[in-house]
Protein backbone atom coordinates (compact mmCIF):
# COMPACT_ATOMS: atom_id res chain seq x y z
CA UNK A 1 -39.49 -38.82 -46.46
CA UNK A 2 -38.97 -42.41 -45.40
CA UNK A 3 -37.98 -42.60 -41.82
CA UNK A 4 -38.34 -46.30 -41.35
CA UNK A 5 -34.55 -46.76 -41.68
CA UNK A 6 -34.07 -44.89 -38.47
CA UNK A 7 -36.18 -47.09 -36.44
CA UNK A 8 -33.60 -49.80 -35.95
CA UNK A 9 -30.77 -47.61 -35.15
CA UNK A 10 -29.57 -47.86 -31.53
CA UNK A 11 -27.98 -44.73 -30.01
CA UNK A 12 -24.30 -44.88 -29.63
CA UNK A 13 -22.74 -45.61 -26.36
CA UNK A 14 -21.42 -42.60 -24.56
CA UNK A 15 -17.73 -42.02 -25.09
CA UNK A 16 -15.77 -42.70 -22.04
CA UNK A 17 -13.09 -40.25 -20.68
CA UNK A 18 -9.54 -41.40 -21.20
CA UNK A 19 -8.31 -39.30 -18.36
CA UNK A 20 -9.36 -39.70 -14.78
CA UNK A 21 -11.74 -36.94 -13.51
CA UNK A 22 -11.52 -35.43 -10.34
CA UNK A 23 -14.56 -37.31 -9.17
CA UNK A 24 -13.14 -40.42 -10.38
CA UNK A 25 -9.89 -39.87 -8.51
CA UNK A 26 -11.81 -39.10 -5.37
CA UNK A 27 -13.91 -42.37 -5.74
CA UNK A 28 -10.66 -44.30 -6.36
CA UNK A 29 -8.92 -42.82 -3.38
CA UNK A 30 -11.98 -43.48 -1.01
CA UNK A 31 -12.12 -47.20 -2.19
CA UNK A 32 -8.33 -47.50 -1.59
CA UNK A 33 -8.67 -45.95 1.97
CA UNK A 34 -11.63 -48.08 2.73
CA UNK A 35 -9.94 -51.20 1.47
CA UNK A 36 -6.95 -50.44 3.63
CA UNK A 37 -9.05 -49.96 6.80
CA UNK A 38 -10.99 -53.14 6.12
CA UNK A 39 -7.88 -55.38 5.56
CA UNK A 40 -5.95 -53.76 8.43
CA UNK A 41 -8.89 -54.44 10.74
CA UNK A 42 -8.98 -58.07 9.63
CA UNK A 43 -5.32 -58.47 10.07
CA UNK A 44 -5.52 -57.16 13.58
CA UNK A 45 -8.46 -59.35 14.46
CA UNK A 46 -6.96 -62.54 13.11
CA UNK A 47 -3.53 -61.65 14.82
CA UNK A 48 -5.55 -61.81 18.17
CA UNK A 49 -6.62 -65.42 17.43
CA UNK A 50 -3.19 -66.49 16.24
CA UNK A 51 -4.14 -66.98 12.56
CA UNK A 52 -1.73 -64.61 10.57
CA UNK A 53 -2.23 -66.82 7.39
CA UNK A 54 -6.02 -65.83 7.43
CA UNK A 55 -5.24 -62.17 6.70
CA UNK A 56 -3.73 -63.07 3.38
CA UNK A 57 -6.57 -65.36 2.49
CA UNK A 58 -9.03 -62.40 3.42
CA UNK A 59 -7.08 -59.82 1.35
CA UNK A 60 -7.11 -62.20 -1.61
CA UNK A 61 -10.88 -61.71 -1.76
CA UNK A 62 -11.29 -58.10 -0.76
CA UNK A 63 -8.63 -56.61 -3.12
CA UNK A 64 -9.92 -58.02 -6.34
CA UNK A 65 -13.48 -57.25 -5.32
CA UNK A 66 -12.79 -53.65 -4.52
CA UNK A 67 -10.65 -53.06 -7.72
CA UNK A 68 -13.26 -54.59 -9.88
CA UNK A 69 -16.07 -52.66 -8.31
CA UNK A 70 -14.52 -49.19 -8.40
CA UNK A 71 -13.26 -49.88 -11.87
CA UNK A 72 -16.73 -50.69 -13.00
CA UNK A 73 -18.20 -47.49 -11.32
CA UNK A 74 -15.63 -45.20 -12.74
CA UNK A 75 -14.69 -46.55 -16.04
CA UNK A 76 -11.86 -44.15 -16.31
CA UNK A 77 -8.19 -44.79 -17.09
CA UNK A 78 -6.12 -44.55 -13.77
CA UNK A 79 -8.83 -45.71 -11.44
CA UNK A 80 -6.92 -48.87 -10.32
CA UNK A 81 -3.70 -47.10 -10.30
CA UNK A 82 -4.78 -44.30 -7.88
CA UNK A 83 -6.74 -46.83 -5.68
CA UNK A 84 -3.99 -49.22 -5.21
CA UNK A 85 -1.22 -46.72 -5.00
CA UNK A 86 -3.10 -45.06 -2.03
CA UNK A 87 -3.62 -48.55 -0.41
CA UNK A 88 -0.04 -49.58 -0.73
CA UNK A 89 1.22 -46.19 0.63
CA UNK A 90 -0.82 -46.70 3.68
CA UNK A 91 0.41 -50.36 3.89
CA UNK A 92 4.03 -49.27 3.99
CA UNK A 93 4.43 -49.30 7.91
CA UNK A 94 2.20 -52.44 8.34
CA UNK A 95 2.45 -56.12 7.38
CA UNK A 96 -0.13 -55.80 4.64
CA UNK A 97 1.51 -56.67 1.39
CA UNK A 98 4.56 -58.08 3.17
CA UNK A 99 7.22 -56.88 5.56
CA UNK A 100 7.22 -53.07 6.09
CA UNK A 101 9.00 -50.83 3.67
CA UNK A 102 8.49 -48.23 0.87
CA UNK A 103 8.95 -50.85 -1.82
CA UNK A 104 5.24 -51.37 -1.41
CA UNK A 105 4.58 -48.09 -3.16
CA UNK A 106 6.28 -49.19 -6.31
CA UNK A 107 4.43 -52.56 -6.27
CA UNK A 108 1.18 -50.65 -5.70
CA UNK A 109 1.65 -48.34 -8.55
CA UNK A 110 2.63 -50.84 -11.16
CA UNK A 111 0.13 -53.43 -10.03
CA UNK A 112 -2.78 -50.75 -10.35
CA UNK A 113 -1.30 -49.63 -13.60
CA UNK A 114 -1.30 -53.25 -15.15
CA UNK A 115 -5.01 -53.44 -13.84
CA UNK A 116 -5.89 -50.46 -15.79
CA UNK A 117 -4.07 -51.76 -18.80
CA UNK A 118 -6.16 -54.90 -18.76
CA UNK A 119 -9.57 -53.43 -18.19
CA UNK A 120 -9.24 -50.12 -20.03
CA UNK A 121 -7.51 -51.84 -22.88
CA UNK A 122 -10.39 -54.01 -23.68
CA UNK A 123 -12.50 -50.92 -23.43
CA UNK A 124 -14.16 -51.64 -20.12
CA UNK A 125 -15.62 -55.01 -21.09
CA UNK A 126 -16.28 -57.51 -18.39
CA UNK A 127 -13.70 -59.88 -19.58
CA UNK A 128 -11.10 -57.04 -19.18
CA UNK A 129 -11.65 -57.43 -15.44
CA UNK A 130 -10.10 -60.92 -15.62
CA UNK A 131 -7.30 -60.03 -17.83
CA UNK A 132 -6.50 -57.14 -15.42
CA UNK A 133 -6.60 -59.58 -12.59
CA UNK A 134 -4.16 -61.72 -14.24
CA UNK A 135 -1.76 -58.72 -15.21
CA UNK A 136 -1.94 -57.47 -11.63
CA UNK A 137 -1.11 -60.89 -10.19
CA UNK A 138 1.86 -61.43 -12.56
CA UNK A 139 3.25 -57.98 -11.99
CA UNK A 140 3.00 -58.28 -8.18
CA UNK A 141 4.72 -61.80 -8.38
CA UNK A 142 7.53 -60.35 -10.47
CA UNK A 143 7.78 -57.35 -8.06
CA UNK A 144 8.16 -59.59 -4.90
CA UNK A 145 10.76 -61.58 -6.75
CA UNK A 146 12.73 -58.27 -7.46
CA UNK A 147 12.30 -57.19 -3.87
CA UNK A 148 14.00 -60.65 -2.89
CA UNK A 149 16.73 -60.02 -5.40
CA UNK A 150 17.44 -56.76 -3.65
CA UNK A 151 17.89 -58.61 -0.38
CA UNK A 152 14.73 -58.10 1.55
CA UNK A 153 14.32 -61.91 2.22
CA UNK A 154 18.10 -62.80 2.62
CA UNK A 155 17.35 -66.24 4.32
CA UNK A 156 15.31 -67.60 1.51
CA UNK A 157 16.80 -69.47 -1.56
CA UNK A 158 15.78 -68.65 -5.08
CA UNK A 159 13.84 -71.92 -5.47
CA UNK A 160 11.87 -71.38 -2.29
CA UNK A 161 10.94 -67.73 -3.28
CA UNK A 162 9.65 -69.00 -6.67
CA UNK A 163 7.85 -71.80 -5.13
CA UNK A 164 5.91 -69.46 -2.58
CA UNK A 165 5.22 -66.89 -5.31
CA UNK A 166 3.75 -69.60 -7.55
CA UNK A 167 1.66 -71.01 -4.87
CA UNK A 168 0.36 -67.78 -3.56
CA UNK A 169 -0.27 -66.34 -7.06
CA UNK A 170 -2.36 -69.44 -7.82
CA UNK A 171 -4.43 -69.15 -4.83
CA UNK A 172 -4.84 -65.33 -5.36
CA UNK A 173 -6.02 -65.92 -8.97
CA UNK A 174 -8.64 -68.48 -7.91
CA UNK A 175 -9.84 -66.15 -5.07
CA UNK A 176 -9.68 -63.24 -7.52
CA UNK A 177 -11.91 -64.90 -10.11
CA UNK A 178 -14.53 -65.58 -7.49
CA UNK A 179 -14.31 -62.04 -6.16
CA UNK A 180 -14.35 -60.44 -9.54
CA UNK A 181 -17.36 -62.37 -10.61
CA UNK A 182 -19.24 -61.39 -7.53
CA UNK A 183 -18.16 -57.77 -8.06
CA UNK A 184 -19.65 -57.87 -11.61
CA UNK A 185 -22.77 -59.49 -10.36
CA UNK A 186 -23.13 -56.89 -7.45
CA UNK A 187 -22.57 -53.99 -9.76
CA UNK A 188 -25.06 -55.25 -12.30
CA UNK A 189 -27.74 -55.97 -9.76
CA UNK A 190 -27.27 -52.99 -7.41
CA UNK A 191 -25.15 -50.18 -8.89
CA UNK A 192 -25.35 -50.05 -12.62
CA UNK A 193 -28.52 -48.00 -12.82
CA UNK A 194 -27.52 -45.75 -9.88
CA UNK A 195 -24.25 -44.78 -11.46
CA UNK A 196 -25.71 -44.80 -14.91
CA UNK A 197 -23.32 -47.32 -16.61
């Protein structure tokens, strides 16, 4: 029997689970909690030096990095949703993600959900992380605009709100692309073999 035809056949890639496993949920939660702790610490530190704007710049780097990293580790639907929802829940009484308020939980859930849509929707390919970043940024910008419409920032005009959201989103996307690239590099060099992906 001729077995030569089997020599060039590569084994199929393992099928990823559609649902988030218990291990994946724990990992996502740990990342969300650690990310909050790091960003809250940075916020307190820069506040001592009178540089509140630096906190937003730092979170613009740490959030995309953490989401890209944990999503690559798990490769399961719901990873970013769980991670970012927990982060936003912890951020409710703080100045992370804006003024204190429960609206952050809604923004966190839908922001994480859109991240999962982008990455999982492209079957966990690297390019999906960048699509996820764009969807995540857009949904947060729309969410904050909705928050303004409900009167959270009554002293700001619509034009001013739009200008701020466009500018902040543009900066966040630039930071996010850099952080996402670094997260993919770090995962490939340091973690891929360890986690078996």
